[in-house]
PDB file of N, CA and C in Angstrom:
ATOM      1  N   UNK A   1    -108.591 -16.133  45.501  1.00  0.00           N
ATOM      2  CA  UNK A   1    -110.001 -14.246  45.175  1.00  0.00           C
ATOM      3  C   UNK A   1    -111.002 -15.212  44.170  1.00  0.00           C
ATOM      4  N   UNK A   2    -110.756 -16.877  43.068  1.00  0.00           N
ATOM      5  CA  UNK A   2    -112.635 -16.812  43.207  1.00  0.00           C
ATOM      6  C   UNK A   2    -113.380 -17.403  43.822  1.00  0.00           C
ATOM      7  N   UNK A   3    -113.118 -18.153  44.786  1.00  0.00           N
ATOM      8  CA  UNK A   3    -113.765 -18.319  46.235  1.00  0.00           C
ATOM      9  C   UNK A   3    -114.540 -17.805  46.354  1.00  0.00           C
ATOM     10  N   UNK A   4    -113.749 -16.443  47.318  1.00  0.00           N
ATOM     11  CA  UNK A   4    -114.327 -15.134  47.578  1.00  0.00           C
ATOM     12  C   UNK A   4    -115.449 -14.199  46.592  1.00  0.00           C
ATOM     13  N   UNK A   5    -114.785 -14.503  44.682  1.00  0.00           N
ATOM     14  CA  UNK A   5    -116.020 -13.550  43.893  1.00  0.00           C
ATOM     15  C   UNK A   5    -117.381 -14.635  44.628  1.00  0.00           C
ATOM     16  N   UNK A   6    -117.222 -16.057  44.833  1.00  0.00           N
ATOM     17  CA  UNK A   6    -118.594 -16.667  44.467  1.00  0.00           C
ATOM     18  C   UNK A   6    -119.747 -16.248  45.608  1.00  0.00           C
ATOM     19  N   UNK A   7    -118.409 -16.324  46.876  1.00  0.00           N
ATOM     20  CA  UNK A   7    -119.061 -15.728  47.989  1.00  0.00           C
ATOM     21  C   UNK A   7    -119.341 -14.163  48.183  1.00  0.00           C
ATOM     22  N   UNK A   8    -119.009 -13.649  47.029  1.00  0.00           N
ATOM     23  CA  UNK A   8    -119.739 -12.079  47.192  1.00  0.00           C
ATOM     24  C   UNK A   8    -118.702 -11.536  48.712  1.00  0.00           C
ATOM     25  N   UNK A   9    -117.815 -12.275  48.212  1.00  0.00           N
ATOM     26  CA  UNK A   9    -116.719 -11.195  49.436  1.00  0.00           C
ATOM     27  C   UNK A   9    -115.655 -10.269  48.891  1.00  0.00           C
ATOM     28  N   UNK A  10    -116.652  -9.420  47.732  1.00  0.00           N
ATOM     29  CA  UNK A  10    -115.488  -8.752  46.744  1.00  0.00           C
ATOM     30  C   UNK A  10    -114.297  -8.064  46.947  1.00  0.00           C
ATOM     31  N   UNK A  11    -114.504  -7.575  48.027  1.00  0.00           N
ATOM     32  CA  UNK A  11    -112.902  -6.698  48.393  1.00  0.00           C
ATOM     33  C   UNK A  11    -111.977  -7.743  49.199  1.00  0.00           C
ATOM     34  N   UNK A  12    -112.452  -8.879  49.804  1.00  0.00           N
ATOM     35  CA  UNK A  12    -111.869  -9.822  49.754  1.00  0.00           C
ATOM     36  C   UNK A  12    -111.052 -10.757  48.450  1.00  0.00           C
ATOM     37  N   UNK A  13    -111.711 -10.591  47.353  1.00  0.00           N
ATOM     38  CA  UNK A  13    -111.845 -11.076  46.160  1.00  0.00           C
ATOM     39  C   UNK A  13    -110.619 -10.306  45.072  1.00  0.00           C
ATOM     40  N   UNK A  14    -110.938  -8.426  45.454  1.00  0.00           N
ATOM     41  CA  UNK A  14    -109.874  -7.610  44.753  1.00  0.00           C
ATOM     42  C   UNK A  14    -108.250  -7.718  45.524  1.00  0.00           C
ATOM     43  N   UNK A  15    -108.366  -7.706  46.271  1.00  0.00           N
ATOM     44  CA  UNK A  15    -107.480  -8.396  47.574  1.00  0.00           C
ATOM     45  C   UNK A  15    -106.481  -9.316  46.768  1.00  0.00           C
ATOM     46  N   UNK A  16    -107.054 -10.224  47.189  1.00  0.00           N
ATOM     47  CA  UNK A  16    -106.241 -11.820  46.678  1.00  0.00           C
ATOM     48  C   UNK A  16    -105.802 -11.587  45.200  1.00  0.00           C
ATOM     49  N   UNK A  17    -106.658 -11.122  44.688  1.00  0.00           N
ATOM     50  CA  UNK A  17    -106.337 -11.564  42.876  1.00  0.00           C
ATOM     51  C   UNK A  17    -105.431 -10.297  43.033  1.00  0.00           C
ATOM     52  N   UNK A  18    -105.392  -9.259  43.515  1.00  0.00           N
ATOM     53  CA  UNK A  18    -104.181  -8.114  43.106  1.00  0.00           C
ATOM     54  C   UNK A  18    -103.148  -8.940  43.934  1.00  0.00           C
ATOM     55  N   UNK A  19    -102.958  -9.334  45.096  1.00  0.00           N
ATOM     56  CA  UNK A  19    -101.770  -9.750  45.139  1.00  0.00           C
ATOM     57  C   UNK A  19    -101.243 -11.240  44.353  1.00  0.00           C
ATOM     58  N   UNK A  20    -102.275 -11.790  44.076  1.00  0.00           N
ATOM     59  CA  UNK A  20    -101.530 -12.684  43.354  1.00  0.00           C
ATOM     60  C   UNK A  20    -100.762 -12.108  41.906  1.00  0.00           C
ATOM     61  N   UNK A  21    -101.758 -11.219  41.699  1.00  0.00           N
ATOM     62  CA  UNK A  21    -101.248 -10.544  39.999  1.00  0.00           C
ATOM     63  C   UNK A  21     -99.708 -10.176  40.126  1.00  0.00           C
ATOM     64  N   UNK A  22     -99.447  -9.691  41.756  1.00  0.00           N
ATOM     65  CA  UNK A  22     -97.639  -9.719  41.676  1.00  0.00           C
ATOM     66  C   UNK A  22     -97.046 -10.465  41.490  1.00  0.00           C
ATOM     67  N   UNK A  23     -97.468 -11.574  42.037  1.00  0.00           N
ATOM     68  CA  UNK A  23     -96.601 -12.252  41.628  1.00  0.00           C
ATOM     69  C   UNK A  23     -96.482 -13.060  39.845  1.00  0.00           C
ATOM     70  N   UNK A  24     -97.725 -13.084  39.615  1.00  0.00           N
ATOM     71  CA  UNK A  24     -97.788 -13.398  38.137  1.00  0.00           C
ATOM     72  C   UNK A  24     -98.941 -12.366  37.340  1.00  0.00           C
ATOM     73  N   UNK A  25     -98.208 -11.163  36.443  1.00  0.00           N
ATOM     74  CA  UNK A  25     -99.232 -10.678  36.254  1.00  0.00           C
ATOM     75  C   UNK A  25     -99.857 -10.701  34.893  1.00  0.00           C
ATOM     76  N   UNK A  26     -99.539 -11.686  34.070  1.00  0.00           N
ATOM     77  CA  UNK A  26     -99.658 -12.108  32.696  1.00  0.00           C
ATOM     78  C   UNK A  26    -101.012 -13.504  33.171  1.00  0.00           C
ATOM     79  N   UNK A  27    -101.554 -13.674  34.777  1.00  0.00           N
ATOM     80  CA  UNK A  27    -102.213 -14.895  34.754  1.00  0.00           C
ATOM     81  C   UNK A  27    -104.123 -14.080  34.113  1.00  0.00           C
ATOM     82  N   UNK A  28    -104.591 -14.559  32.694  1.00  0.00           N
ATOM     83  CA  UNK A  28    -105.342 -14.275  32.614  1.00  0.00           C
ATOM     84  C   UNK A  28    -107.152 -13.966  33.850  1.00  0.00           C
ATOM     85  N   UNK A  29    -106.909 -15.632  34.169  1.00  0.00           N
ATOM     86  CA  UNK A  29    -108.382 -16.007  34.933  1.00  0.00           C
ATOM     87  C   UNK A  29    -108.034 -14.897  36.203  1.00  0.00           C
ATOM     88  N   UNK A  30    -106.775 -14.907  36.992  1.00  0.00           N
ATOM     89  CA  UNK A  30    -107.237 -13.965  37.993  1.00  0.00           C
ATOM     90  C   UNK A  30    -107.288 -12.372  37.121  1.00  0.00           C
ATOM     91  N   UNK A  31    -106.947 -12.207  36.360  1.00  0.00           N
ATOM     92  CA  UNK A  31    -107.089 -10.554  35.821  1.00  0.00           C
ATOM     93  C   UNK A  31    -108.970 -10.493  35.259  1.00  0.00           C
ATOM     94  N   UNK A  32    -109.649 -11.331  35.030  1.00  0.00           N
ATOM     95  CA  UNK A  32    -110.594 -11.438  35.218  1.00  0.00           C
ATOM     96  C   UNK A  32    -112.040 -12.022  36.392  1.00  0.00           C
ATOM     97  N   UNK A  33    -110.753 -12.785  37.271  1.00  0.00           N
ATOM     98  CA  UNK A  33    -111.609 -12.300  38.975  1.00  0.00           C
ATOM     99  C   UNK A  33    -111.895 -11.329  39.391  1.00  0.00           C
ATOM    100  N   UNK A  34    -110.073 -10.574  39.130  1.00  0.00           N
ATOM    101  CA  UNK A  34    -110.021  -9.187  39.380  1.00  0.00           C
ATOM    102  C   UNK A  34    -111.011  -7.937  39.161  1.00  0.00           C
ATOM    103  N   UNK A  35    -111.567  -8.181  37.623  1.00  0.00           N
ATOM    104  CA  UNK A  35    -112.488  -7.327  37.120  1.00  0.00           C
ATOM    105  C   UNK A  35    -114.035  -7.770  37.228  1.00  0.00           C
ATOM    106  N   UNK A  36    -113.883  -8.813  37.503  1.00  0.00           N
ATOM    107  CA  UNK A  36    -115.953  -8.470  37.979  1.00  0.00           C
ATOM    108  C   UNK A  36    -115.839  -8.230  39.266  1.00  0.00           C
ATOM    109  N   UNK A  37    -114.729  -9.068  40.259  1.00  0.00           N
ATOM    110  CA  UNK A  37    -115.029  -8.476  41.273  1.00  0.00           C
ATOM    111  C   UNK A  37    -115.066  -6.950  41.468  1.00  0.00           C
ATOM    112  N   UNK A  38    -114.144  -6.104  40.831  1.00  0.00           N
ATOM    113  CA  UNK A  38    -114.107  -4.596  40.726  1.00  0.00           C
ATOM    114  C   UNK A  38    -115.943  -4.178  39.798  1.00  0.00           C
ATOM    115  N   UNK A  39    -116.255  -4.544  39.320  1.00  0.00           N
ATOM    116  CA  UNK A  39    -117.428  -4.206  38.709  1.00  0.00           C
ATOM    117  C   UNK A  39    -118.688  -4.498  39.751  1.00  0.00           C
ATOM    118  N   UNK A  40    -118.288  -5.564  40.860  1.00  0.00           N
ATOM    119  CA  UNK A  40    -119.630  -6.046  41.611  1.00  0.00           C
ATOM    120  C   UNK A  40    -119.603  -5.329  42.809  1.00  0.00           C
ATOM    121  N   UNK A  41    -118.217  -4.628  43.012  1.00  0.00           N
ATOM    122  CA  UNK A  41    -117.778  -3.737  44.097  1.00  0.00           C
ATOM    123  C   UNK A  41    -118.427  -2.062  43.485  1.00  0.00           C
ATOM    124  N   UNK A  42    -118.311  -1.829  42.563  1.00  0.00           N
ATOM    125  CA  UNK A  42    -118.952  -0.577  42.135  1.00  0.00           C
ATOM    126  C   UNK A  42    -118.187  -0.111  41.784  1.00  0.00           C
ATOM    127  N   UNK A  43    -116.686  -0.589  41.624  1.00  0.00           N
ATOM    128  CA  UNK A  43    -115.461   0.384  40.735  1.00  0.00           C
ATOM    129  C   UNK A  43    -114.982   0.053  39.430  1.00  0.00           C
ATOM    130  N   UNK A  44    -116.265   0.238  38.619  1.00  0.00           N
ATOM    131  CA  UNK A  44    -116.265   0.056  37.463  1.00  0.00           C
ATOM    132  C   UNK A  44    -114.723   0.737  36.356  1.00  0.00           C
ATOM    133  N   UNK A  45    -114.781   2.004  36.819  1.00  0.00           N
ATOM    134  CA  UNK A  45    -113.657   2.565  35.849  1.00  0.00           C
ATOM    135  C   UNK A  45    -112.037   1.250  36.090  1.00  0.00           C
ATOM    136  N   UNK A  46    -111.710   1.116  37.969  1.00  0.00           N
ATOM    137  CA  UNK A  46    -110.924  -0.032  37.354  1.00  0.00           C
ATOM    138  C   UNK A  46    -111.111  -1.783  36.768  1.00  0.00           C
ATOM    139  N   UNK A  47    -112.351  -1.767  37.280  1.00  0.00           N
ATOM    140  CA  UNK A  47    -112.269  -2.819  36.137  1.00  0.00           C
ATOM    141  C   UNK A  47    -112.493  -2.526  34.895  1.00  0.00           C
ATOM    142  N   UNK A  48    -112.408  -1.743  34.232  1.00  0.00           N
ATOM    143  CA  UNK A  48    -112.151  -1.724  32.812  1.00  0.00           C
ATOM    144  C   UNK A  48    -110.808  -1.557  32.356  1.00  0.00           C
ATOM    145  N   UNK A  49    -109.969  -0.766  33.370  1.00  0.00           N
ATOM    146  CA  UNK A  49    -108.713  -0.403  33.059  1.00  0.00           C
ATOM    147  C   UNK A  49    -107.874  -2.134  33.001  1.00  0.00           C
ATOM    148  N   UNK A  50    -108.350  -3.104  34.166  1.00  0.00           N
ATOM    149  CA  UNK A  50    -108.017  -4.331  34.316  1.00  0.00           C
ATOM    150  C   UNK A  50    -108.585  -4.733  33.230  1.00  0.00           C
ATOM    151  N   UNK A  51    -109.240  -4.914  33.022  1.00  0.00           N
ATOM    152  CA  UNK A  51    -110.228  -5.657  31.509  1.00  0.00           C
ATOM    153  C   UNK A  51    -109.139  -4.890  30.553  1.00  0.00           C
ATOM    154  N   UNK A  52    -108.912  -3.957  30.070  1.00  0.00           N
ATOM    155  CA  UNK A  52    -107.504  -3.688  29.318  1.00  0.00           C
ATOM    156  C   UNK A  52    -106.966  -3.800  29.094  1.00  0.00           C
ATOM    157  N   UNK A  53    -105.966  -4.620  30.352  1.00  0.00           N
ATOM    158  CA  UNK A  53    -105.062  -5.106  30.585  1.00  0.00           C
ATOM    159  C   UNK A  53    -105.230  -6.915  29.925  1.00  0.00           C
ATOM    160  N   UNK A  54    -105.847  -7.443  30.224  1.00  0.00           N
ATOM    161  CA  UNK A  54    -106.561  -8.953  30.286  1.00  0.00           C
ATOM    162  C   UNK A  54    -106.778  -8.893  28.864  1.00  0.00           C
ATOM    163  N   UNK A  55    -107.198  -7.836  28.433  1.00  0.00           N
ATOM    164  CA  UNK A  55    -107.272  -8.023  26.480  1.00  0.00           C
ATOM    165  C   UNK A  55    -106.400  -8.052  25.601  1.00  0.00           C
ATOM    166  N   UNK A  56    -105.420  -7.458  26.355  1.00  0.00           N
ATOM    167  CA  UNK A  56    -103.780  -7.190  25.764  1.00  0.00           C
ATOM    168  C   UNK A  56    -103.586  -9.039  25.820  1.00  0.00           C
ATOM    169  N   UNK A  57    -103.928  -9.159  27.031  1.00  0.00           N
ATOM    170  CA  UNK A  57    -103.316 -10.859  26.688  1.00  0.00           C
ATOM    171  C   UNK A  57    -104.001 -11.649  26.449  1.00  0.00           C
ATOM    172  N   UNK A  58    -105.295 -11.602  26.125  1.00  0.00           N
ATOM    173  CA  UNK A  58    -106.271 -12.556  25.680  1.00  0.00           C
ATOM    174  C   UNK A  58    -106.891 -11.741  24.443  1.00  0.00           C
ATOM    175  N   UNK A  59    -106.529 -11.217  23.919  1.00  0.00           N
ATOM    176  CA  UNK A  59    -107.544 -10.208  22.424  1.00  0.00           C
ATOM    177  C   UNK A  59    -108.792 -10.990  21.969  1.00  0.00           C
ATOM    178  N   UNK A  60    -108.664 -12.339  21.749  1.00  0.00           N
ATOM    179  CA  UNK A  60    -109.937 -12.910  21.201  1.00  0.00           C
ATOM    180  C   UNK A  60    -111.105 -13.465  22.363  1.00  0.00           C
ATOM    181  N   UNK A  61    -110.884 -13.129  23.644  1.00  0.00           N
ATOM    182  CA  UNK A  61    -111.795 -13.859  23.881  1.00  0.00           C
ATOM    183  C   UNK A  61    -112.704 -13.053  24.615  1.00  0.00           C
ATOM    184  N   UNK A  62    -113.732 -13.193  24.362  1.00  0.00           N
ATOM    185  CA  UNK A  62    -116.185 -13.032  24.477  1.00  0.00           C
ATOM    186  C   UNK A  62    -116.076 -12.994  25.505  1.00  0.00           C
ATOM    187  N   UNK A  63    -117.560 -12.571  26.048  1.00  0.00           N
ATOM    188  CA  UNK A  63    -118.576 -13.432  27.093  1.00  0.00           C
ATOM    189  C   UNK A  63    -118.490 -14.745  27.090  1.00  0.00           C
ATOM    190  N   UNK A  64    -119.066 -14.280  25.695  1.00  0.00           N
ATOM    191  CA  UNK A  64    -119.776 -16.338  24.860  1.00  0.00           C
ATOM    192  C   UNK A  64    -119.009 -17.139  25.265  1.00  0.00           C
ATOM    193  N   UNK A  65    -117.565 -17.198  24.420  1.00  0.00           N
ATOM    194  CA  UNK A  65    -115.978 -18.074  24.722  1.00  0.00           C
ATOM    195  C   UNK A  65    -115.856 -18.363  26.150  1.00  0.00           C
ATOM    196  N   UNK A  66    -115.354 -16.959  27.311  1.00  0.00           N
ATOM    197  CA  UNK A  66    -115.327 -17.276  28.583  1.00  0.00           C
ATOM    198  C   UNK A  66    -116.874 -18.408  29.224  1.00  0.00           C
ATOM    199  N   UNK A  67    -118.134 -17.891  28.724  1.00  0.00           N
ATOM    200  CA  UNK A  67    -119.016 -19.365  29.299  1.00  0.00           C
ATOM    201  C   UNK A  67    -118.674 -20.333  28.688  1.00  0.00           C
ATOM    202  N   UNK A  68    -118.899 -20.654  28.152  1.00  0.00           N
ATOM    203  CA  UNK A  68    -118.361 -22.238  26.724  1.00  0.00           C
ATOM    204  C   UNK A  68    -117.326 -22.553  27.585  1.00  0.00           C
ATOM    205  N   UNK A  69    -116.144 -22.054  28.500  1.00  0.00           N
ATOM    206  CA  UNK A  69    -115.134 -22.640  28.718  1.00  0.00           C
ATOM    207  C   UNK A  69    -115.078 -22.840  30.311  1.00  0.00           C
ATOM    208  N   UNK A  70    -116.262 -21.524  31.486  1.00  0.00           N
ATOM    209  CA  UNK A  70    -115.946 -21.842  32.310  1.00  0.00           C
ATOM    210  C   UNK A  70    -115.963 -22.867  33.196  1.00  0.00           C
ATOM    211  N   UNK A  71    -115.727 -23.420  34.037  1.00  0.00           N
ATOM    212  CA  UNK A  71    -116.223 -24.317  34.567  1.00  0.00           C
ATOM    213  C   UNK A  71    -117.206 -24.948  35.534  1.00  0.00           C
ATOM    214  N   UNK A  72    -117.498 -23.632  36.077  1.00  0.00           N
ATOM    215  CA  UNK A  72    -118.842 -23.095  36.805  1.00  0.00           C
ATOM    216  C   UNK A  72    -120.175 -22.782  36.189  1.00  0.00           C
ATOM    217  N   UNK A  73    -120.402 -23.044  34.834  1.00  0.00           N
ATOM    218  CA  UNK A  73    -121.322 -22.549  33.651  1.00  0.00           C
ATOM    219  C   UNK A  73    -122.669 -22.651  34.107  1.00  0.00           C
ATOM    220  N   UNK A  74    -122.669 -23.615  35.039  1.00  0.00           N
ATOM    221  CA  UNK A  74    -124.077 -23.677  35.103  1.00  0.00           C
ATOM    222  C   UNK A  74    -123.979 -23.432  36.556  1.00  0.00           C
ATOM    223  N   UNK A  75    -123.966 -22.529  37.130  1.00  0.00           N
ATOM    224  CA  UNK A  75    -124.017 -22.322  38.466  1.00  0.00           C
ATOM    225  C   UNK A  75    -124.975 -20.903  38.545  1.00  0.00           C
ATOM    226  N   UNK A  76    -124.899 -20.848  40.106  1.00  0.00           N
ATOM    227  CA  UNK A  76    -126.219 -19.510  39.620  1.00  0.00           C
ATOM    228  C   UNK A  76    -125.452 -18.088  39.604  1.00  0.00           C
ATOM    229  N   UNK A  77    -124.221 -18.231  39.829  1.00  0.00           N
ATOM    230  CA  UNK A  77    -123.429 -17.240  39.601  1.00  0.00           C
ATOM    231  C   UNK A  77    -122.902 -16.659  38.210  1.00  0.00           C
ATOM    232  N   UNK A  78    -122.742 -17.899  37.803  1.00  0.00           N
ATOM    233  CA  UNK A  78    -121.789 -17.703  35.930  1.00  0.00           C
ATOM    234  C   UNK A  78    -123.230 -16.731  35.164  1.00  0.00           C
ATOM    235  N   UNK A  79    -123.942 -16.503  35.528  1.00  0.00           N
ATOM    236  CA  UNK A  79    -124.651 -15.001  35.069  1.00  0.00           C
ATOM    237  C   UNK A  79    -124.540 -13.817  35.471  1.00  0.00           C
ATOM    238  N   UNK A  80    -124.066 -13.753  36.561  1.00  0.00           N
ATOM    239  CA  UNK A  80    -123.992 -12.681  37.114  1.00  0.00           C
ATOM    240  C   UNK A  80    -121.733 -12.294  37.172  1.00  0.00           C
ATOM    241  N   UNK A  81    -121.327 -13.011  36.830  1.00  0.00           N
ATOM    242  CA  UNK A  81    -119.761 -12.782  36.349  1.00  0.00           C
ATOM    243  C   UNK A  81    -120.026 -12.773  35.090  1.00  0.00           C
ATOM    244  N   UNK A  82    -120.926 -13.517  34.590  1.00  0.00           N
ATOM    245  CA  UNK A  82    -120.640 -13.211  32.828  1.00  0.00           C
ATOM    246  C   UNK A  82    -121.316 -10.922  32.562  1.00  0.00           C
ATOM    247  N   UNK A  83    -122.083 -10.667  33.025  1.00  0.00           N
ATOM    248  CA  UNK A  83    -122.708  -9.666  33.356  1.00  0.00           C
ATOM    249  C   UNK A  83    -121.565  -8.572  33.742  1.00  0.00           C
ATOM    250  N   UNK A  84    -120.789  -8.869  34.398  1.00  0.00           N
ATOM    251  CA  UNK A  84    -119.532  -8.127  34.816  1.00  0.00           C
ATOM    252  C   UNK A  84    -118.702  -7.633  34.217  1.00  0.00           C
ATOM    253  N   UNK A  85    -118.058  -8.815  33.548  1.00  0.00           N
ATOM    254  CA  UNK A  85    -117.131  -8.380  32.901  1.00  0.00           C
ATOM    255  C   UNK A  85    -117.783  -8.350  31.277  1.00  0.00           C
ATOM    256  N   UNK A  86    -118.871  -8.207  31.056  1.00  0.00           N
ATOM    257  CA  UNK A  86    -118.896  -7.251  29.926  1.00  0.00           C
ATOM    258  C   UNK A  86    -119.353  -6.143  30.365  1.00  0.00           C
ATOM    259  N   UNK A  87    -119.493  -5.359  31.504  1.00  0.00           N
ATOM    260  CA  UNK A  87    -119.366  -4.322  31.793  1.00  0.00           C
ATOM    261  C   UNK A  87    -118.338  -4.094  31.987  1.00  0.00           C
ATOM    262  N   UNK A  88    -117.286  -4.726  32.672  1.00  0.00           N
ATOM    263  CA  UNK A  88    -115.710  -4.319  32.472  1.00  0.00           C
ATOM    264  C   UNK A  88    -115.125  -3.918  30.991  1.00  0.00           C
ATOM    265  N   UNK A  89    -116.044  -4.200  30.269  1.00  0.00           N
ATOM    266  CA  UNK A  89    -114.933  -4.639  28.559  1.00  0.00           C
ATOM    267  C   UNK A  89    -114.886  -5.490  27.899  1.00  0.00           C
ATOM    268  N   UNK A  90    -115.503  -6.698  28.164  1.00  0.00           N
ATOM    269  CA  UNK A  90    -115.038  -8.096  27.340  1.00  0.00           C
ATOM    270  C   UNK A  90    -116.512  -7.938  26.358  1.00  0.00           C
ATOM    271  N   UNK A  91    -115.829  -7.487  24.989  1.00  0.00           N
ATOM    272  CA  UNK A  91    -117.054  -7.997  23.947  1.00  0.00           C
ATOM    273  C   UNK A  91    -117.720  -9.661  24.268  1.00  0.00           C
ATOM    274  N   UNK A  92    -119.138  -9.410  23.730  1.00  0.00           N
ATOM    275  CA  UNK A  92    -119.772 -10.148  24.160  1.00  0.00           C
ATOM    276  C   UNK A  92    -119.935 -11.465  23.378  1.00  0.00           C
TER     277      UNK A  92
END
């Protein structure tokens, strides 16, 4: 799903993340990918619901902390993903 998010195939990213979460609903990286893809596809309410679930599992995470540990933090897409996570409800 992350590769599809990077490639701007948001609906495919959503489908793959949703499928992955059926196998492991506690996988927070997939929840973050799903939240970002939902924001970027214009589905803000669903993104906020997804972020709420993610924050229950990882309550201390912020956008800044995510950026610090994201392997692609220097990529052209990283700022857009950070903005999407912020819009989904991840604190700055």
